[in-house]
C-alpha atoms as a PDB file:
ATOM      1  CA  MET A   1      17.608  -0.556 -28.682  1.00  0.00           C
ATOM      2  CA  ASP A   2      19.819  -1.802 -31.282  1.00  0.00           C
ATOM      3  CA  VAL A   3      20.513  -5.345 -29.367  1.00  0.00           C
ATOM      4  CA  ASP A   4      22.595  -6.365 -32.359  1.00  0.00           C
ATOM      5  CA  ALA A   5      25.201  -3.373 -31.936  1.00  0.00           C
ATOM      6  CA  ILE A   6      25.357  -4.516 -28.344  1.00  0.00           C
ATOM      7  CA  VAL A   7      25.842  -8.128 -28.657  1.00  0.00           C
ATOM      8  CA  ALA A   8      28.404  -6.669 -31.638  1.00  0.00           C
ATOM      9  CA  ARG A   9      30.433  -4.983 -29.007  1.00  0.00           C
ATOM     10  CA  ILE A  10      30.667  -7.070 -25.991  1.00  0.00           C
ATOM     11  CA  TRP A  11      31.740 -10.095 -28.460  1.00  0.00           C
ATOM     12  CA  PRO A  12      33.632  -8.325 -31.250  1.00  0.00           C
ATOM     13  CA  GLY A  13      33.753 -10.313 -34.276  1.00  0.00           C
ATOM     14  CA  ALA A  14      32.148 -13.521 -33.133  1.00  0.00           C
ATOM     15  CA  ASP A  15      29.887 -15.324 -34.270  1.00  0.00           C
ATOM     16  CA  VAL A  16      26.795 -15.170 -32.318  1.00  0.00           C
ATOM     17  CA  GLU A  17      22.795 -16.241 -32.114  1.00  0.00           C
ATOM     18  CA  THR A  18      21.001 -13.870 -29.710  1.00  0.00           C
ATOM     19  CA  GLN A  19      17.650 -15.196 -28.912  1.00  0.00           C
ATOM     20  CA  VAL A  20      14.815 -12.817 -26.990  1.00  0.00           C
ATOM     21  CA  LEU A  21      13.591 -14.396 -23.591  1.00  0.00           C
ATOM     22  CA  GLY A  22      10.549 -13.486 -21.801  1.00  0.00           C
ATOM     23  CA  GLY A  23      10.116 -12.945 -18.109  1.00  0.00           C
ATOM     24  CA  GLY A  24      10.509  -9.364 -16.668  1.00  0.00           C
ATOM     25  CA  ILE A  25       8.439  -6.213 -16.872  1.00  0.00           C
ATOM     26  CA  THR A  26      11.107  -3.782 -16.621  1.00  0.00           C
ATOM     27  CA  ASN A  27      14.522  -4.920 -18.158  1.00  0.00           C
ATOM     28  CA  HIS A  28      15.090  -6.713 -22.272  1.00  0.00           C
ATOM     29  CA  ASN A  29      16.654 -10.183 -21.586  1.00  0.00           C
ATOM     30  CA  PHE A  30      18.667 -12.143 -24.297  1.00  0.00           C
ATOM     31  CA  LYS A  31      19.912 -15.854 -24.816  1.00  0.00           C
ATOM     32  CA  VAL A  32      23.674 -15.239 -26.581  1.00  0.00           C
ATOM     33  CA  ASP A  33      25.161 -18.542 -28.198  1.00  0.00           C
ATOM     34  CA  ALA A  34      28.472 -17.037 -28.456  1.00  0.00           C
ATOM     35  CA  PRO A  35      31.908 -18.498 -27.849  1.00  0.00           C
ATOM     36  CA  GLY A  36      32.464 -19.679 -24.432  1.00  0.00           C
ATOM     37  CA  GLY A  37      29.026 -19.703 -23.942  1.00  0.00           C
ATOM     38  CA  PRO A  38      25.793 -19.525 -23.850  1.00  0.00           C
ATOM     39  CA  TYR A  39      24.732 -16.171 -22.149  1.00  0.00           C
ATOM     40  CA  VAL A  40      22.559 -14.047 -20.701  1.00  0.00           C
ATOM     41  CA  LEU A  41      22.541 -10.549 -21.348  1.00  0.00           C
ATOM     42  CA  ARG A  42      20.564  -8.087 -19.225  1.00  0.00           C
ATOM     43  CA  VAL A  43      19.602  -4.474 -21.080  1.00  0.00           C
ATOM     44  CA  ALA A  44      18.010  -2.145 -18.558  1.00  0.00           C
ATOM     45  CA  GLY A  45      15.033  -0.170 -19.611  1.00  0.00           C
ATOM     46  CA  ARG A  46      14.481   3.180 -19.528  1.00  0.00           C
ATOM     47  CA  ASP A  47      14.676   5.746 -16.451  1.00  0.00           C
ATOM     48  CA  THR A  48      14.996   2.952 -14.049  1.00  0.00           C
ATOM     49  CA  GLU A  49      17.242   4.325 -11.560  1.00  0.00           C
ATOM     50  CA  LEU A  50      14.044   6.092 -10.493  1.00  0.00           C
ATOM     51  CA  LEU A  51      12.846   2.718  -9.049  1.00  0.00           C
ATOM     52  CA  GLY A  52      15.617   2.663  -6.665  1.00  0.00           C
ATOM     53  CA  ILE A  53      18.026   0.709  -9.408  1.00  0.00           C
ATOM     54  CA  ASP A  54      21.874   1.039  -9.212  1.00  0.00           C
ATOM     55  CA  ARG A  55      23.409  -1.404 -11.692  1.00  0.00           C
ATOM     56  CA  THR A  56      26.527  -1.193 -10.192  1.00  0.00           C
ATOM     57  CA  VAL A  57      24.523  -2.506  -6.940  1.00  0.00           C
ATOM     58  CA  GLU A  58      22.800  -5.384  -8.679  1.00  0.00           C
ATOM     59  CA  TYR A  59      26.275  -6.460 -10.210  1.00  0.00           C
ATOM     60  CA  GLU A  60      28.289  -6.505  -6.681  1.00  0.00           C
ATOM     61  CA  ALA A  61      24.826  -8.206  -5.544  1.00  0.00           C
ATOM     62  CA  ALA A  62      25.152 -10.802  -8.454  1.00  0.00           C
ATOM     63  CA  LEU A  63      28.460 -11.775  -7.928  1.00  0.00           C
ATOM     64  CA  ALA A  64      27.589 -12.522  -4.197  1.00  0.00           C
ATOM     65  CA  ALA A  65      24.748 -14.760  -5.315  1.00  0.00           C
ATOM     66  CA  ALA A  66      27.290 -16.576  -7.314  1.00  0.00           C
ATOM     67  CA  ALA A  67      29.752 -16.386  -4.356  1.00  0.00           C
ATOM     68  CA  VAL A  68      27.539 -18.746  -2.366  1.00  0.00           C
ATOM     69  CA  GLY A  69      25.683 -21.083  -5.048  1.00  0.00           C
ATOM     70  CA  VAL A  70      22.902 -19.176  -5.540  1.00  0.00           C
ATOM     71  CA  GLY A  71      23.103 -16.905  -8.544  1.00  0.00           C
ATOM     72  CA  PRO A  72      24.335 -17.823 -12.386  1.00  0.00           C
ATOM     73  CA  GLU A  73      28.244 -16.780 -13.028  1.00  0.00           C
ATOM     74  CA  VAL A  74      28.718 -13.138 -13.562  1.00  0.00           C
ATOM     75  CA  VAL A  75      30.860 -12.523 -16.749  1.00  0.00           C
ATOM     76  CA  GLU A  76      30.695  -8.889 -17.107  1.00  0.00           C
ATOM     77  CA  LEU A  77      28.976  -6.066 -16.403  1.00  0.00           C
ATOM     78  CA  VAL A  78      29.288  -3.280 -19.478  1.00  0.00           C
ATOM     79  CA  GLU A  79      29.758   0.262 -18.569  1.00  0.00           C
ATOM     80  CA  PRO A  80      28.252   3.127 -18.886  1.00  0.00           C
ATOM     81  CA  GLU A  81      24.900   1.567 -19.843  1.00  0.00           C
ATOM     82  CA  GLY A  82      25.539  -1.341 -17.554  1.00  0.00           C
ATOM     83  CA  TYR A  83      24.429  -4.474 -19.534  1.00  0.00           C
ATOM     84  CA  LEU A  84      25.191  -7.452 -17.530  1.00  0.00           C
ATOM     85  CA  VAL A  85      25.969 -10.602 -18.517  1.00  0.00           C
ATOM     86  CA  THR A  86      26.025 -13.785 -17.093  1.00  0.00           C
ATOM     87  CA  ARG A  87      26.741 -17.538 -17.823  1.00  0.00           C
ATOM     88  CA  TRP A  88      23.223 -19.432 -18.884  1.00  0.00           C
ATOM     89  CA  VAL A  89      21.780 -21.632 -16.108  1.00  0.00           C
ATOM     90  CA  GLU A  90      19.916 -25.243 -17.806  1.00  0.00           C
ATOM     91  CA  GLY A  91      16.845 -25.434 -16.037  1.00  0.00           C
ATOM     92  CA  GLU A  92      13.701 -24.444 -16.078  1.00  0.00           C
ATOM     93  CA  ILE A  93      11.758 -21.461 -14.257  1.00  0.00           C
ATOM     94  CA  VAL A  94       9.554 -22.861 -11.470  1.00  0.00           C
ATOM     95  CA  ALA A  95       5.913 -22.522 -12.297  1.00  0.00           C
ATOM     96  CA  LEU A  96       3.686 -20.611 -10.134  1.00  0.00           C
ATOM     97  CA  GLU A  97       1.794 -23.871  -8.962  1.00  0.00           C
ATOM     98  CA  ARG A  98       4.924 -25.467  -7.733  1.00  0.00           C
ATOM     99  CA  MET A  99       6.340 -22.861  -5.664  1.00  0.00           C
ATOM    100  CA  ARG A 100       4.022 -24.217  -3.545  1.00  0.00           C
ATOM    101  CA  ASP A 101       5.350 -28.003  -3.251  1.00  0.00           C
ATOM    102  CA  PRO A 102       6.738 -28.266   0.172  1.00  0.00           C
ATOM    103  CA  ASP A 103      10.403 -29.829  -1.569  1.00  0.00           C
ATOM    104  CA  VAL A 104      10.419 -26.495  -3.534  1.00  0.00           C
ATOM    105  CA  ILE A 105       9.784 -23.969  -0.566  1.00  0.00           C
ATOM    106  CA  THR A 106      12.201 -26.154   1.183  1.00  0.00           C
ATOM    107  CA  ARG A 107      14.768 -25.389  -1.322  1.00  0.00           C
ATOM    108  CA  VAL A 108      14.049 -21.925  -1.757  1.00  0.00           C
ATOM    109  CA  ALA A 109      14.603 -21.514   2.373  1.00  0.00           C
ATOM    110  CA  HIS A 110      18.224 -22.531   2.271  1.00  0.00           C
ATOM    111  CA  ALA A 111      18.644 -20.685  -1.117  1.00  0.00           C
ATOM    112  CA  LEU A 112      17.458 -17.676   0.944  1.00  0.00           C
ATOM    113  CA  ARG A 113      19.617 -18.483   4.086  1.00  0.00           C
ATOM    114  CA  ALA A 114      22.646 -18.323   1.965  1.00  0.00           C
ATOM    115  CA  VAL A 115      21.846 -15.533   0.738  1.00  0.00           C
ATOM    116  CA  HIS A 116      21.450 -13.618   4.203  1.00  0.00           C
ATOM    117  CA  ARG A 117      24.170 -14.897   5.088  1.00  0.00           C
ATOM    118  CA  GLY A 118      26.549 -14.284   2.250  1.00  0.00           C
ATOM    119  CA  PRO A 119      28.738 -11.107   1.376  1.00  0.00           C
ATOM    120  CA  SER A 120      27.095  -7.380   2.252  1.00  0.00           C
ATOM    121  CA  LEU A 121      25.851  -5.324  -0.482  1.00  0.00           C
ATOM    122  CA  PRO A 122      27.031  -1.707  -1.327  1.00  0.00           C
ATOM    123  CA  ALA A 123      23.217  -0.356  -0.930  1.00  0.00           C
ATOM    124  CA  ARG A 124      19.967  -0.504   1.357  1.00  0.00           C
ATOM    125  CA  PHE A 125      16.735  -1.585   1.095  1.00  0.00           C
ATOM    126  CA  ASN A 126      14.396  -0.225   3.317  1.00  0.00           C
ATOM    127  CA  ALA A 127      10.707  -1.105   2.446  1.00  0.00           C
ATOM    128  CA  PHE A 128       9.364   1.872   4.413  1.00  0.00           C
ATOM    129  CA  ARG A 129      11.665   4.414   2.655  1.00  0.00           C
ATOM    130  CA  VAL A 130      10.515   2.383  -0.289  1.00  0.00           C
ATOM    131  CA  VAL A 131       7.552   3.413  -0.777  1.00  0.00           C
ATOM    132  CA  GLU A 132       7.633   7.281   0.266  1.00  0.00           C
ATOM    133  CA  ASP A 133      10.748   7.903  -2.344  1.00  0.00           C
ATOM    134  CA  TYR A 134       8.185   6.038  -5.056  1.00  0.00           C
ATOM    135  CA  ARG A 135       5.331   8.499  -3.723  1.00  0.00           C
ATOM    136  CA  SER A 136       7.840  11.499  -4.545  1.00  0.00           C
ATOM    137  CA  ILE A 137       8.980  10.137  -7.788  1.00  0.00           C
ATOM    138  CA  ALA A 138       5.392   9.552  -9.252  1.00  0.00           C
ATOM    139  CA  PHE A 139       4.208  13.255  -7.718  1.00  0.00           C
ATOM    140  CA  ALA A 140       7.359  14.920  -9.510  1.00  0.00           C
ATOM    141  CA  ARG A 141       6.722  13.007 -13.191  1.00  0.00           C
ATOM    142  CA  GLY A 142       2.550  14.249 -12.862  1.00  0.00           C
ATOM    143  CA  ALA A 143       1.243  11.174 -11.830  1.00  0.00           C
ATOM    144  CA  GLU A 144      -1.994  10.616  -9.223  1.00  0.00           C
ATOM    145  CA  VAL A 145      -1.242   8.671  -6.297  1.00  0.00           C
ATOM    146  CA  PRO A 146      -3.946   6.509  -5.352  1.00  0.00           C
ATOM    147  CA  PRO A 147      -6.431   6.898  -2.707  1.00  0.00           C
ATOM    148  CA  PRO A 148      -5.335   4.099  -0.614  1.00  0.00           C
ATOM    149  CA  TYR A 149      -2.166   5.365  -0.701  1.00  0.00           C
ATOM    150  CA  ALA A 150      -2.820   7.336   2.397  1.00  0.00           C
ATOM    151  CA  TRP A 151      -4.142   4.921   4.637  1.00  0.00           C
ATOM    152  CA  ALA A 152      -1.388   2.508   3.768  1.00  0.00           C
ATOM    153  CA  ARG A 153       1.140   4.896   4.879  1.00  0.00           C
ATOM    154  CA  GLN A 154      -0.174   5.157   8.332  1.00  0.00           C
ATOM    155  CA  VAL A 155      -0.785   1.131   8.667  1.00  0.00           C
ATOM    156  CA  ALA A 156       3.211   1.331   7.425  1.00  0.00           C
ATOM    157  CA  ARG A 157       4.081   3.643  10.401  1.00  0.00           C
ATOM    158  CA  ARG A 158       2.365   1.182  12.420  1.00  0.00           C
ATOM    159  CA  ILE A 159       4.693  -1.890  11.240  1.00  0.00           C
ATOM    160  CA  GLU A 160       7.729   0.080  11.237  1.00  0.00           C
ATOM    161  CA  ARG A 161       7.060   0.680  15.085  1.00  0.00           C
ATOM    162  CA  ALA A 162       6.214  -3.100  15.933  1.00  0.00           C
ATOM    163  CA  ARG A 163       8.732  -4.068  13.644  1.00  0.00           C
ATOM    164  CA  GLY A 164      11.668  -2.279  15.657  1.00  0.00           C
ATOM    165  CA  ALA A 165      15.163  -2.602  15.248  1.00  0.00           C
ATOM    166  CA  PHE A 166      16.435  -5.359  13.461  1.00  0.00           C
ATOM    167  CA  ALA A 167      19.839  -6.733  11.702  1.00  0.00           C
ATOM    168  CA  GLU A 168      20.031  -5.584   7.940  1.00  0.00           C
ATOM    169  CA  ARG A 169      21.500  -8.327   5.652  1.00  0.00           C
ATOM    170  CA  PRO A 170      21.667  -8.985   2.116  1.00  0.00           C
ATOM    171  CA  CYS A 171      18.291  -9.377   0.296  1.00  0.00           C
ATOM    172  CA  HIS A 172      16.803  -9.947  -3.105  1.00  0.00           C
ATOM    173  CA  ASN A 173      13.195  -8.107  -2.495  1.00  0.00           C
ATOM    174  CA  ASP A 174      12.141  -9.129  -6.061  1.00  0.00           C
ATOM    175  CA  LEU A 175      10.707 -13.136  -5.157  1.00  0.00           C
ATOM    176  CA  LEU A 176       8.533 -13.694  -8.003  1.00  0.00           C
ATOM    177  CA  ASN A 177       8.132 -17.492  -9.658  1.00  0.00           C
ATOM    178  CA  ALA A 178      10.237 -16.091 -13.054  1.00  0.00           C
ATOM    179  CA  ASN A 179      13.026 -15.175 -10.871  1.00  0.00           C
ATOM    180  CA  PHE A 180      13.835 -18.883  -9.919  1.00  0.00           C
ATOM    181  CA  ILE A 181      15.658 -21.409 -11.947  1.00  0.00           C
ATOM    182  CA  ASP A 182      15.230 -25.206 -11.235  1.00  0.00           C
ATOM    183  CA  ASP A 183      18.712 -27.023 -12.652  1.00  0.00           C
ATOM    184  CA  GLY A 184      17.441 -30.359 -11.592  1.00  0.00           C
ATOM    185  CA  LYS A 185      20.192 -30.181  -7.950  1.00  0.00           C
ATOM    186  CA  ARG A 186      19.538 -26.633  -6.753  1.00  0.00           C
ATOM    187  CA  ILE A 187      17.091 -23.270  -6.973  1.00  0.00           C
ATOM    188  CA  ARG A 188      18.994 -20.685  -8.429  1.00  0.00           C
ATOM    189  CA  ILE A 189      17.735 -16.639  -7.774  1.00  0.00           C
ATOM    190  CA  VAL A 190      18.211 -14.557 -10.573  1.00  0.00           C
ATOM    191  CA  ASP A 191      17.370 -10.766 -11.382  1.00  0.00           C
ATOM    192  CA  TRP A 192      19.107  -9.053  -8.309  1.00  0.00           C
ATOM    193  CA  GLU A 193      18.244  -5.214  -9.545  1.00  0.00           C
ATOM    194  CA  TYR A 194      16.448  -4.218  -5.931  1.00  0.00           C
ATOM    195  CA  ALA A 195      18.968  -5.934  -4.059  1.00  0.00           C
ATOM    196  CA  GLY A 196      20.538  -4.641  -0.619  1.00  0.00           C
ATOM    197  CA  MET A 197      21.288  -4.701   2.973  1.00  0.00           C
ATOM    198  CA  GLY A 198      17.540  -4.857   4.566  1.00  0.00           C
ATOM    199  CA  ASP A 199      15.240  -7.084   6.244  1.00  0.00           C
ATOM    200  CA  ILE A 200      14.933 -10.900   5.679  1.00  0.00           C
ATOM    201  CA  PHE A 201      11.162 -11.202   6.435  1.00  0.00           C
ATOM    202  CA  PHE A 202      10.587  -8.318   3.802  1.00  0.00           C
ATOM    203  CA  ASP A 203      12.444 -11.042   1.464  1.00  0.00           C
ATOM    204  CA  LEU A 204      10.244 -14.267   3.548  1.00  0.00           C
ATOM    205  CA  ALA A 205       7.314 -12.237   3.325  1.00  0.00           C
ATOM    206  CA  ASN A 206       7.803 -10.870  -0.521  1.00  0.00           C
ATOM    207  CA  PHE A 207       8.520 -14.194  -1.689  1.00  0.00           C
ATOM    208  CA  SER A 208       4.970 -15.861   0.532  1.00  0.00           C
ATOM    209  CA  VAL A 209       2.956 -13.069  -1.010  1.00  0.00           C
ATOM    210  CA  ASN A 210       4.327 -13.359  -4.532  1.00  0.00           C
ATOM    211  CA  ASN A 211       4.029 -17.169  -4.868  1.00  0.00           C
ATOM    212  CA  GLU A 212       0.829 -17.588  -2.965  1.00  0.00           C
ATOM    213  CA  LEU A 213       1.373 -19.059  -0.130  1.00  0.00           C
ATOM    214  CA  GLY A 214      -0.946 -19.783   2.314  1.00  0.00           C
ATOM    215  CA  PRO A 215      -0.646 -19.804   6.115  1.00  0.00           C
ATOM    216  CA  ASP A 216       0.476 -23.480   6.330  1.00  0.00           C
ATOM    217  CA  GLU A 217       3.017 -23.398   4.015  1.00  0.00           C
ATOM    218  CA  ARG A 218       4.579 -19.656   5.320  1.00  0.00           C
ATOM    219  CA  ARG A 219       4.728 -21.833   8.822  1.00  0.00           C
ATOM    220  CA  LEU A 220       7.063 -24.474   6.389  1.00  0.00           C
ATOM    221  CA  LEU A 221       9.059 -21.620   4.859  1.00  0.00           C
ATOM    222  CA  LEU A 222       9.727 -20.364   8.303  1.00  0.00           C
ATOM    223  CA  ASP A 223      10.855 -24.079   9.423  1.00  0.00           C
ATOM    224  CA  ALA A 224      12.927 -24.944   6.781  1.00  0.00           C
ATOM    225  CA  TYR A 225      14.797 -21.300   6.794  1.00  0.00           C
ATOM    226  CA  ALA A 226      15.156 -21.345  10.609  1.00  0.00           C
ATOM    227  CA  GLY A 227      14.992 -24.704  12.113  1.00  0.00           C
ATOM    228  CA  SER A 228      11.772 -24.130  13.934  1.00  0.00           C
ATOM    229  CA  VAL A 229       8.560 -21.676  13.859  1.00  0.00           C
ATOM    230  CA  ARG A 230       8.803 -19.162  16.821  1.00  0.00           C
ATOM    231  CA  PRO A 231       5.757 -16.024  17.357  1.00  0.00           C
ATOM    232  CA  GLN A 232       7.735 -13.196  17.235  1.00  0.00           C
ATOM    233  CA  ASP A 233       9.032 -14.290  13.543  1.00  0.00           C
ATOM    234  CA  GLU A 234       5.071 -15.444  12.561  1.00  0.00           C
ATOM    235  CA  ARG A 235       4.105 -11.785  13.457  1.00  0.00           C
ATOM    236  CA  ALA A 236       7.043 -10.197  11.523  1.00  0.00           C
ATOM    237  CA  LEU A 237       6.136 -12.144   8.608  1.00  0.00           C
ATOM    238  CA  GLU A 238       2.535 -11.856   9.002  1.00  0.00           C
ATOM    239  CA  LEU A 239       3.446  -7.677   8.834  1.00  0.00           C
ATOM    240  CA  MET A 240       5.777  -7.714   6.106  1.00  0.00           C
ATOM    241  CA  LEU A 241       3.218  -9.412   4.058  1.00  0.00           C
ATOM    242  CA  PHE A 242       1.532  -5.843   3.726  1.00  0.00           C
ATOM    243  CA  MET A 243       5.012  -4.118   3.105  1.00  0.00           C
ATOM    244  CA  SER A 244       5.143  -6.396   0.280  1.00  0.00           C
ATOM    245  CA  ASP A 245       1.936  -5.519  -1.756  1.00  0.00           C
ATOM    246  CA  PHE A 246       2.570  -2.062  -0.503  1.00  0.00           C
ATOM    247  CA  ARG A 247       5.870  -1.963  -2.091  1.00  0.00           C
ATOM    248  CA  GLU A 248       4.628  -3.468  -5.344  1.00  0.00           C
ATOM    249  CA  ALA A 249       1.472  -1.325  -5.426  1.00  0.00           C
ATOM    250  CA  MET A 250       3.585   1.653  -5.610  1.00  0.00           C
ATOM    251  CA  TRP A 251       6.246   0.039  -7.675  1.00  0.00           C
ATOM    252  CA  GLY A 252       3.168   0.131 -10.432  1.00  0.00           C
ATOM    253  CA  VAL A 253       2.377   3.581  -9.804  1.00  0.00           C
ATOM    254  CA  VAL A 254       5.836   5.119 -10.519  1.00  0.00           C
ATOM    255  CA  GLN A 255       5.868   2.367 -13.583  1.00  0.00           C
ATOM    256  CA  GLY A 256       3.341   3.821 -15.047  1.00  0.00           C
ATOM    257  CA  ALA A 257       4.882   7.583 -14.907  1.00  0.00           C
ATOM    258  CA  VAL A 258       7.907   6.826 -16.289  1.00  0.00           C
ATOM    259  CA  SER A 259       8.118   3.248 -18.335  1.00  0.00           C
ATOM    260  CA  ALA A 260       7.867   3.354 -22.580  1.00  0.00           C
ATOM    261  CA  LEU A 261       7.121  -0.698 -21.790  1.00  0.00           C
ATOM    262  CA  ASP A 262       3.595  -2.070 -23.087  1.00  0.00           C
ATOM    263  CA  PHE A 263       2.304  -2.785 -20.114  1.00  0.00           C
ATOM    264  CA  ASP A 264      -1.233  -2.192 -17.883  1.00  0.00           C
ATOM    265  CA  PHE A 265       1.023  -0.723 -14.620  1.00  0.00           C
ATOM    266  CA  GLY A 266      -2.210   1.120 -13.548  1.00  0.00           C
ATOM    267  CA  SER A 267      -3.807  -2.496 -13.043  1.00  0.00           C
ATOM    268  CA  TYR A 268      -1.047  -4.006 -11.746  1.00  0.00           C
ATOM    269  CA  ALA A 269      -0.889  -0.777  -8.836  1.00  0.00           C
ATOM    270  CA  THR A 270      -4.556  -1.927  -8.654  1.00  0.00           C
ATOM    271  CA  GLU A 271      -3.999  -5.447  -8.213  1.00  0.00           C
ATOM    272  CA  HIS A 272      -1.250  -4.843  -5.423  1.00  0.00           C
ATOM    273  CA  PHE A 273      -3.392  -2.110  -3.371  1.00  0.00           C
ATOM    274  CA  ALA A 274      -6.602  -4.794  -3.231  1.00  0.00           C
ATOM    275  CA  ARG A 275      -4.686  -7.376  -2.057  1.00  0.00           C
ATOM    276  CA  MET A 276      -2.548  -5.487   0.665  1.00  0.00           C
ATOM    277  CA  GLU A 277      -5.950  -4.325   1.655  1.00  0.00           C
ATOM    278  CA  SER A 278      -6.997  -7.918   1.894  1.00  0.00           C
ATOM    279  CA  THR A 279      -3.894  -8.887   4.126  1.00  0.00           C
ATOM    280  CA  ALA A 280      -4.770  -5.789   6.488  1.00  0.00           C
ATOM    281  CA  ALA A 281      -8.452  -7.821   7.161  1.00  0.00           C
ATOM    282  CA  ALA A 282      -7.012 -10.995   7.799  1.00  0.00           C
ATOM    283  CA  PRO A 283      -7.365 -11.470  11.488  1.00  0.00           C
ATOM    284  CA  ALA A 284      -3.578 -13.157  11.376  1.00  0.00           C
ATOM    285  CA  PHE A 285      -2.138  -9.475  10.480  1.00  0.00           C
ATOM    286  CA  VAL A 286      -4.549  -7.642  12.960  1.00  0.00           C
ATOM    287  CA  ALA A 287      -3.402  -9.990  15.632  1.00  0.00           C
ATOM    288  CA  ALA A 288       0.328  -9.420  14.778  1.00  0.00           C
ATOM    289  CA  LEU A 289      -0.024  -5.748  14.130  1.00  0.00           C
ATOM    290  CA  GLY A 290      -1.820  -5.437  17.797  1.00  0.00           C
ATOM    291  CA  ASP A 291       0.916  -7.014  19.244  1.00  0.00           C
END
């Protein structure tokens, strides 16, 4: 990848400085100091469409997030490659240990509620179908699907029946702490490549499990999000904790088959399968699934 050529194409003739940003393990991100900037340039990794990513949908989701004051301003989608240019947000990535602070949980809940009430998106995200699609892609690429998949798929079918019908809302679906920026006033959310119309409780569970929220912190999240903690919401959140890790584990399996990045996706998948099994053994999950 020739980032200098990409930058010269987007800002022709301009005097620019480019800085590599850390963060994601799918894409390449750069801070670009250019006229009118600074900006963030996002360059997609190889074969990301196999992960269910559509760069046009990401662009629409980023616009929707910006419209409700949660995402950064979107400057441009560079076609046909799908490079995304957004305005740089001054602030800091929220450290994992801070994600469990009551103030941060409350601000995240309010940000997610704004997103979920925001403009519709031109794609769907159904975690139950995503794990099946990832299995098919992994097989097609010659990867071995780990043994826990068969058991997890049976549990997922029970969760899907227990979850029943729900209203689809715009969701982020990848709420790692690295995707949260605190600008001192608001919590901003970036990286909308997995966004789609889906289950708000997948989003809330994804945030909870990725940021290691305990039971009391999950209740605080629900209270800040909805204004109360209803038993049916607690059950839905508990069930989707399992689906969050199931999706993440299968994401690691597919990435191990298609990605050229220097990252141990096998260990990543194993870690999430193990955490998923721990969730399934927890009394709260067993009770929620029984209900």
